[in-house]
Amino acid sequence: MFKKITLERTACFGACPEYIIQIDNTGKVKWTGIRNVSKLGEHEWTISPEAVKELNDLIDQFGYAEYVYKPLGPSKTDFPSVITSVEYTNGHTKKINHYLGDTLDSNALTEFENKIEKIATSRVK
């Protein structure tokens, strides 16, 4: 079971959205909009217990704790990164810095990141 999930979209050379989403296992979501987003600053809301379970299931099914991210090919420059971290209730923390300029990425990690965002932002209690 996760204690806290953090997803951060970093800056790029351009107008990429830059923000941080933190979700705890009670369903509390904290959004920090930094740049190029419609909601700047800090905002909080709560997602349902079902959404928290869905996030936990997503982390387990993806195998996040064991996942090893390795860039696969040449990289394009000036792309953003998505940094995810999961703090587990057992005290273990796993962090992945996913550079979106990797030209041979399998997209599995991108899909995982997008699902976290969708659950965190579309299931407000």
N, C-alpha and C. Protein backbone atom coordinates (compact mmCIF):
# COMPACT_ATOMS: atom_id res chain seq x y z
N MET A 1 0.84 -1.19 0.00
CA MET A 1 0.00 0.00 0.00
C MET A 1 0.88 1.24 0.00
N PHE A 2 0.49 2.23 -0.77
CA PHE A 2 1.26 3.46 -0.79
C PHE A 2 0.86 4.37 0.36
N LYS A 3 1.82 5.15 0.80
CA LYS A 3 1.57 6.20 1.79
C LYS A 3 1.39 7.54 1.07
N LYS A 4 2.25 7.77 0.06
CA LYS A 4 2.17 9.01 -0.72
C LYS A 4 2.73 8.78 -2.12
N ILE A 5 2.06 9.37 -3.10
CA ILE A 5 2.51 9.38 -4.50
C ILE A 5 2.79 10.83 -4.87
N THR A 6 3.90 11.04 -5.55
CA THR A 6 4.21 12.37 -6.07
C THR A 6 4.49 12.24 -7.56
N LEU A 7 3.90 13.13 -8.34
CA LEU A 7 4.15 13.20 -9.77
C LEU A 7 4.48 14.65 -10.10
N GLU A 8 5.64 14.86 -10.71
CA GLU A 8 6.08 16.21 -11.07
C GLU A 8 6.39 16.27 -12.55
N ARG A 9 5.82 17.26 -13.22
CA ARG A 9 6.16 17.53 -14.62
C ARG A 9 7.08 18.75 -14.61
N THR A 10 8.26 18.56 -15.21
CA THR A 10 9.28 19.61 -15.17
C THR A 10 9.20 20.53 -16.38
N ALA A 11 9.99 21.58 -16.33
CA ALA A 11 10.04 22.57 -17.40
C ALA A 11 10.73 21.99 -18.64
N CYS A 12 10.49 22.64 -19.76
CA CYS A 12 11.17 22.31 -21.01
C CYS A 12 11.57 23.62 -21.66
N PHE A 13 12.18 23.53 -22.83
CA PHE A 13 12.49 24.72 -23.60
C PHE A 13 11.26 25.04 -24.44
N GLY A 14 10.33 25.74 -23.84
CA GLY A 14 9.06 26.04 -24.48
C GLY A 14 7.99 26.26 -23.42
N ALA A 15 6.76 25.94 -23.76
CA ALA A 15 5.63 26.22 -22.87
C ALA A 15 5.03 24.95 -22.28
N CYS A 16 5.85 24.04 -21.83
CA CYS A 16 5.35 22.80 -21.22
C CYS A 16 4.72 23.09 -19.86
N PRO A 17 3.64 22.40 -19.53
CA PRO A 17 3.06 22.57 -18.20
C PRO A 17 4.03 22.08 -17.13
N GLU A 18 4.14 22.86 -16.06
CA GLU A 18 5.05 22.52 -14.97
C GLU A 18 4.23 22.53 -13.67
N TYR A 19 4.16 21.36 -13.03
CA TYR A 19 3.36 21.25 -11.81
C TYR A 19 3.76 20.01 -11.02
N ILE A 20 3.25 19.95 -9.79
CA ILE A 20 3.47 18.81 -8.91
C ILE A 20 2.13 18.38 -8.34
N ILE A 21 1.87 17.07 -8.36
CA ILE A 21 0.69 16.49 -7.72
C ILE A 21 1.17 15.54 -6.64
N GLN A 22 0.63 15.69 -5.43
CA GLN A 22 0.91 14.76 -4.34
C GLN A 22 -0.41 14.17 -3.87
N ILE A 23 -0.44 12.85 -3.69
CA ILE A 23 -1.64 12.15 -3.26
C ILE A 23 -1.27 11.28 -2.08
N ASP A 24 -2.02 11.39 -0.98
CA ASP A 24 -1.74 10.49 0.14
C ASP A 24 -2.80 9.40 0.20
N ASN A 25 -2.58 8.41 1.07
CA ASN A 25 -3.46 7.24 1.09
C ASN A 25 -4.81 7.50 1.77
N THR A 26 -5.04 8.73 2.23
CA THR A 26 -6.37 9.09 2.72
C THR A 26 -7.21 9.72 1.61
N GLY A 27 -6.58 9.98 0.45
CA GLY A 27 -7.27 10.59 -0.68
C GLY A 27 -7.02 12.07 -0.83
N LYS A 28 -6.23 12.65 0.05
CA LYS A 28 -5.92 14.08 -0.05
C LYS A 28 -4.97 14.31 -1.21
N VAL A 29 -5.35 15.24 -2.09
CA VAL A 29 -4.54 15.59 -3.25
C VAL A 29 -4.10 17.04 -3.10
N LYS A 30 -2.82 17.27 -3.32
CA LYS A 30 -2.27 18.63 -3.30
C LYS A 30 -1.66 18.91 -4.66
N TRP A 31 -2.14 19.97 -5.29
CA TRP A 31 -1.67 20.40 -6.60
C TRP A 31 -0.86 21.67 -6.42
N THR A 32 0.32 21.72 -7.01
CA THR A 32 1.11 22.95 -7.03
C THR A 32 1.39 23.29 -8.49
N GLY A 33 0.69 24.29 -9.00
CA GLY A 33 0.88 24.74 -10.38
C GLY A 33 2.01 25.75 -10.42
N ILE A 34 3.01 25.48 -11.24
CA ILE A 34 4.21 26.32 -11.27
C ILE A 34 4.22 27.24 -12.49
N ARG A 35 3.97 26.67 -13.67
CA ARG A 35 4.03 27.47 -14.89
C ARG A 35 3.27 26.76 -16.01
N ASN A 36 2.65 27.55 -16.88
CA ASN A 36 1.95 27.06 -18.08
C ASN A 36 0.82 26.08 -17.75
N VAL A 37 0.10 26.37 -16.66
CA VAL A 37 -1.07 25.58 -16.26
C VAL A 37 -2.21 26.53 -15.94
N SER A 38 -3.44 26.03 -15.98
CA SER A 38 -4.59 26.89 -15.71
C SER A 38 -4.74 27.23 -14.22
N LYS A 39 -4.24 26.35 -13.34
CA LYS A 39 -4.32 26.60 -11.90
C LYS A 39 -2.91 26.78 -11.34
N LEU A 40 -2.53 28.03 -11.14
CA LEU A 40 -1.23 28.32 -10.54
C LEU A 40 -1.35 28.28 -9.02
N GLY A 41 -0.25 27.98 -8.35
CA GLY A 41 -0.25 27.96 -6.89
C GLY A 41 -0.74 26.64 -6.34
N GLU A 42 -1.02 26.65 -5.04
CA GLU A 42 -1.42 25.42 -4.35
C GLU A 42 -2.94 25.30 -4.27
N HIS A 43 -3.41 24.09 -4.55
CA HIS A 43 -4.83 23.75 -4.47
C HIS A 43 -4.94 22.37 -3.87
N GLU A 44 -6.00 22.13 -3.11
CA GLU A 44 -6.20 20.81 -2.49
C GLU A 44 -7.62 20.33 -2.70
N TRP A 45 -7.77 19.02 -2.81
CA TRP A 45 -9.07 18.38 -2.88
C TRP A 45 -8.90 16.95 -2.40
N THR A 46 -10.01 16.25 -2.34
CA THR A 46 -9.99 14.86 -1.87
C THR A 46 -10.62 13.96 -2.92
N ILE A 47 -9.98 12.83 -3.16
CA ILE A 47 -10.55 11.82 -4.05
C ILE A 47 -11.19 10.72 -3.20
N SER A 48 -12.01 9.92 -3.81
CA SER A 48 -12.77 8.89 -3.11
C SER A 48 -11.87 7.73 -2.66
N PRO A 49 -12.33 6.95 -1.67
CA PRO A 49 -11.59 5.74 -1.29
C PRO A 49 -11.43 4.77 -2.46
N GLU A 50 -12.41 4.73 -3.36
CA GLU A 50 -12.31 3.86 -4.53
C GLU A 50 -11.17 4.31 -5.45
N ALA A 51 -11.00 5.62 -5.58
CA ALA A 51 -9.91 6.14 -6.40
C ALA A 51 -8.55 5.84 -5.76
N VAL A 52 -8.48 5.91 -4.43
CA VAL A 52 -7.24 5.56 -3.72
C VAL A 52 -6.91 4.09 -3.98
N LYS A 53 -7.93 3.23 -3.91
CA LYS A 53 -7.72 1.80 -4.19
C LYS A 53 -7.26 1.60 -5.63
N GLU A 54 -7.86 2.34 -6.54
CA GLU A 54 -7.47 2.24 -7.95
C GLU A 54 -6.00 2.64 -8.15
N LEU A 55 -5.56 3.68 -7.46
CA LEU A 55 -4.15 4.08 -7.53
C LEU A 55 -3.24 2.99 -6.98
N ASN A 56 -3.63 2.43 -5.84
CA ASN A 56 -2.83 1.37 -5.24
C ASN A 56 -2.74 0.16 -6.17
N ASP A 57 -3.87 -0.22 -6.76
CA ASP A 57 -3.89 -1.34 -7.71
C ASP A 57 -3.02 -1.03 -8.93
N LEU A 58 -3.08 0.21 -9.42
CA LEU A 58 -2.28 0.62 -10.57
C LEU A 58 -0.78 0.47 -10.27
N ILE A 59 -0.36 0.92 -9.11
CA ILE A 59 1.05 0.81 -8.71
C ILE A 59 1.48 -0.65 -8.65
N ASP A 60 0.63 -1.49 -8.05
CA ASP A 60 0.96 -2.91 -7.94
C ASP A 60 0.99 -3.60 -9.30
N GLN A 61 -0.03 -3.35 -10.12
CA GLN A 61 -0.11 -4.00 -11.43
C GLN A 61 1.02 -3.57 -12.36
N PHE A 62 1.43 -2.31 -12.26
CA PHE A 62 2.53 -1.81 -13.07
C PHE A 62 3.87 -2.39 -12.61
N GLY A 63 3.93 -2.75 -11.34
CA GLY A 63 5.19 -3.25 -10.78
C GLY A 63 6.17 -2.12 -10.50
N TYR A 64 5.64 -1.00 -10.02
CA TYR A 64 6.46 0.20 -9.83
C TYR A 64 7.66 -0.05 -8.93
N ALA A 65 7.48 -0.78 -7.84
CA ALA A 65 8.57 -1.00 -6.87
C ALA A 65 9.77 -1.69 -7.52
N GLU A 66 9.53 -2.52 -8.53
CA GLU A 66 10.61 -3.27 -9.18
C GLU A 66 11.02 -2.67 -10.53
N TYR A 67 10.27 -1.70 -11.02
CA TYR A 67 10.50 -1.16 -12.36
C TYR A 67 11.85 -0.46 -12.44
N VAL A 68 12.59 -0.75 -13.50
CA VAL A 68 13.87 -0.10 -13.73
C VAL A 68 13.75 0.69 -15.04
N TYR A 69 13.87 2.00 -14.94
CA TYR A 69 13.80 2.84 -16.13
C TYR A 69 15.19 3.03 -16.70
N LYS A 70 15.34 2.66 -17.96
CA LYS A 70 16.60 2.87 -18.67
C LYS A 70 16.26 3.55 -20.00
N PRO A 71 16.82 4.73 -20.26
CA PRO A 71 16.62 5.33 -21.57
C PRO A 71 17.08 4.35 -22.65
N LEU A 72 16.29 4.22 -23.71
CA LEU A 72 16.54 3.18 -24.71
C LEU A 72 17.28 3.66 -25.94
N GLY A 73 17.26 4.92 -26.21
CA GLY A 73 17.87 5.36 -27.45
C GLY A 73 18.41 6.76 -27.35
N PRO A 74 18.73 7.32 -28.50
CA PRO A 74 19.20 8.71 -28.48
C PRO A 74 18.09 9.62 -27.98
N SER A 75 18.48 10.68 -27.32
CA SER A 75 17.50 11.59 -26.74
C SER A 75 17.40 12.88 -27.54
N LYS A 76 16.18 13.39 -27.61
CA LYS A 76 15.96 14.73 -28.14
C LYS A 76 16.22 15.70 -26.99
N THR A 77 16.75 16.85 -27.30
CA THR A 77 17.07 17.81 -26.23
C THR A 77 15.89 18.70 -25.90
N ASP A 78 15.95 19.30 -24.73
CA ASP A 78 15.01 20.32 -24.26
C ASP A 78 13.60 19.80 -24.01
N PHE A 79 13.44 18.51 -23.78
CA PHE A 79 12.15 17.94 -23.43
C PHE A 79 11.99 17.95 -21.91
N PRO A 80 10.76 17.89 -21.42
CA PRO A 80 10.56 17.82 -19.97
C PRO A 80 10.77 16.40 -19.45
N SER A 81 10.75 16.30 -18.15
CA SER A 81 10.76 14.99 -17.47
C SER A 81 9.50 14.86 -16.66
N VAL A 82 9.15 13.63 -16.36
CA VAL A 82 8.11 13.35 -15.38
C VAL A 82 8.79 12.56 -14.27
N ILE A 83 8.76 13.11 -13.08
CA ILE A 83 9.39 12.47 -11.93
C ILE A 83 8.28 11.93 -11.04
N THR A 84 8.26 10.61 -10.88
CA THR A 84 7.29 10.00 -9.97
C THR A 84 8.03 9.42 -8.78
N SER A 85 7.36 9.43 -7.65
CA SER A 85 7.89 8.72 -6.49
C SER A 85 6.72 8.15 -5.70
N VAL A 86 6.96 6.99 -5.15
CA VAL A 86 5.97 6.33 -4.30
C VAL A 86 6.64 6.02 -2.97
N GLU A 87 6.03 6.55 -1.92
CA GLU A 87 6.45 6.20 -0.57
C GLU A 87 5.47 5.15 -0.07
N TYR A 88 5.99 3.99 0.30
CA TYR A 88 5.15 2.88 0.74
C TYR A 88 4.97 2.92 2.25
N THR A 89 3.92 2.26 2.73
CA THR A 89 3.66 2.24 4.17
C THR A 89 4.73 1.49 4.94
N ASN A 90 5.54 0.67 4.27
CA ASN A 90 6.63 -0.05 4.94
C ASN A 90 7.90 0.81 5.07
N GLY A 91 7.83 2.06 4.60
CA GLY A 91 8.96 2.97 4.71
C GLY A 91 9.83 3.06 3.47
N HIS A 92 9.66 2.12 2.54
CA HIS A 92 10.45 2.13 1.30
C HIS A 92 9.94 3.24 0.38
N THR A 93 10.85 3.91 -0.31
CA THR A 93 10.49 4.92 -1.30
C THR A 93 11.18 4.61 -2.61
N LYS A 94 10.44 4.69 -3.70
CA LYS A 94 10.98 4.46 -5.05
C LYS A 94 10.73 5.72 -5.86
N LYS A 95 11.73 6.13 -6.66
CA LYS A 95 11.63 7.34 -7.47
C LYS A 95 12.13 7.04 -8.88
N ILE A 96 11.39 7.54 -9.89
CA ILE A 96 11.79 7.38 -11.28
C ILE A 96 11.78 8.75 -11.96
N ASN A 97 12.88 9.10 -12.61
CA ASN A 97 12.98 10.33 -13.38
C ASN A 97 12.91 9.95 -14.86
N HIS A 98 11.75 10.17 -15.46
CA HIS A 98 11.46 9.74 -16.83
C HIS A 98 11.64 10.91 -17.79
N TYR A 99 12.68 10.87 -18.59
CA TYR A 99 12.93 11.93 -19.57
C TYR A 99 12.09 11.68 -20.82
N LEU A 100 11.26 12.65 -21.18
CA LEU A 100 10.32 12.46 -22.29
C LEU A 100 10.95 12.64 -23.67
N GLY A 101 12.22 12.96 -23.72
CA GLY A 101 12.90 13.08 -25.01
C GLY A 101 13.54 11.79 -25.48
N ASP A 102 13.31 10.69 -24.75
CA ASP A 102 13.86 9.38 -25.14
C ASP A 102 13.12 8.90 -26.39
N THR A 103 13.84 8.77 -27.49
CA THR A 103 13.20 8.47 -28.77
C THR A 103 12.71 7.03 -28.92
N LEU A 104 13.18 6.13 -28.08
CA LEU A 104 12.77 4.72 -28.20
C LEU A 104 11.97 4.23 -27.00
N ASP A 105 11.41 5.15 -26.24
CA ASP A 105 10.65 4.78 -25.05
C ASP A 105 9.46 3.91 -25.44
N SER A 106 9.15 2.92 -24.61
CA SER A 106 8.06 1.98 -24.90
C SER A 106 6.68 2.56 -24.61
N ASN A 107 6.61 3.69 -23.96
CA ASN A 107 5.37 4.37 -23.58
C ASN A 107 4.65 3.76 -22.39
N ALA A 108 5.11 2.63 -21.86
CA ALA A 108 4.45 2.02 -20.70
C ALA A 108 4.51 2.96 -19.49
N LEU A 109 5.64 3.58 -19.27
CA LEU A 109 5.78 4.50 -18.15
C LEU A 109 4.93 5.75 -18.35
N THR A 110 4.86 6.24 -19.57
CA THR A 110 4.01 7.40 -19.87
C THR A 110 2.55 7.08 -19.60
N GLU A 111 2.09 5.91 -19.98
CA GLU A 111 0.71 5.50 -19.73
C GLU A 111 0.44 5.42 -18.23
N PHE A 112 1.38 4.89 -17.48
CA PHE A 112 1.27 4.80 -16.02
C PHE A 112 1.13 6.21 -15.42
N GLU A 113 1.99 7.13 -15.84
CA GLU A 113 1.96 8.50 -15.33
C GLU A 113 0.63 9.18 -15.66
N ASN A 114 0.15 8.99 -16.89
CA ASN A 114 -1.12 9.59 -17.30
C ASN A 114 -2.29 9.05 -16.50
N LYS A 115 -2.25 7.77 -16.16
CA LYS A 115 -3.33 7.17 -15.36
C LYS A 115 -3.34 7.75 -13.95
N ILE A 116 -2.16 7.96 -13.37
CA ILE A 116 -2.10 8.59 -12.05
C ILE A 116 -2.77 9.96 -12.10
N GLU A 117 -2.41 10.76 -13.10
CA GLU A 117 -2.99 12.10 -13.24
C GLU A 117 -4.49 12.05 -13.44
N LYS A 118 -4.95 11.13 -14.26
CA LYS A 118 -6.38 11.03 -14.53
C LYS A 118 -7.15 10.69 -13.26
N ILE A 119 -6.67 9.73 -12.51
CA ILE A 119 -7.35 9.34 -11.27
C ILE A 119 -7.32 10.49 -10.26
N ALA A 120 -6.18 11.12 -10.13
CA ALA A 120 -6.02 12.18 -9.13
C ALA A 120 -6.83 13.43 -9.45
N THR A 121 -7.10 13.67 -10.72
CA THR A 121 -7.78 14.92 -11.10
C THR A 121 -9.23 14.74 -11.54
N SER A 122 -9.70 13.51 -11.70
CA SER A 122 -11.06 13.35 -12.21
C SER A 122 -12.01 12.66 -11.24
N ARG A 123 -11.54 12.31 -10.08
CA ARG A 123 -12.41 11.60 -9.14
C ARG A 123 -12.52 12.36 -7.82
N VAL A 124 -12.88 13.60 -7.93
CA VAL A 124 -13.01 14.43 -6.73
C VAL A 124 -14.23 13.98 -5.94
N LYS A 125 -14.03 13.78 -4.65
CA LYS A 125 -15.08 13.28 -3.75
C LYS A 125 -16.11 14.36 -3.47
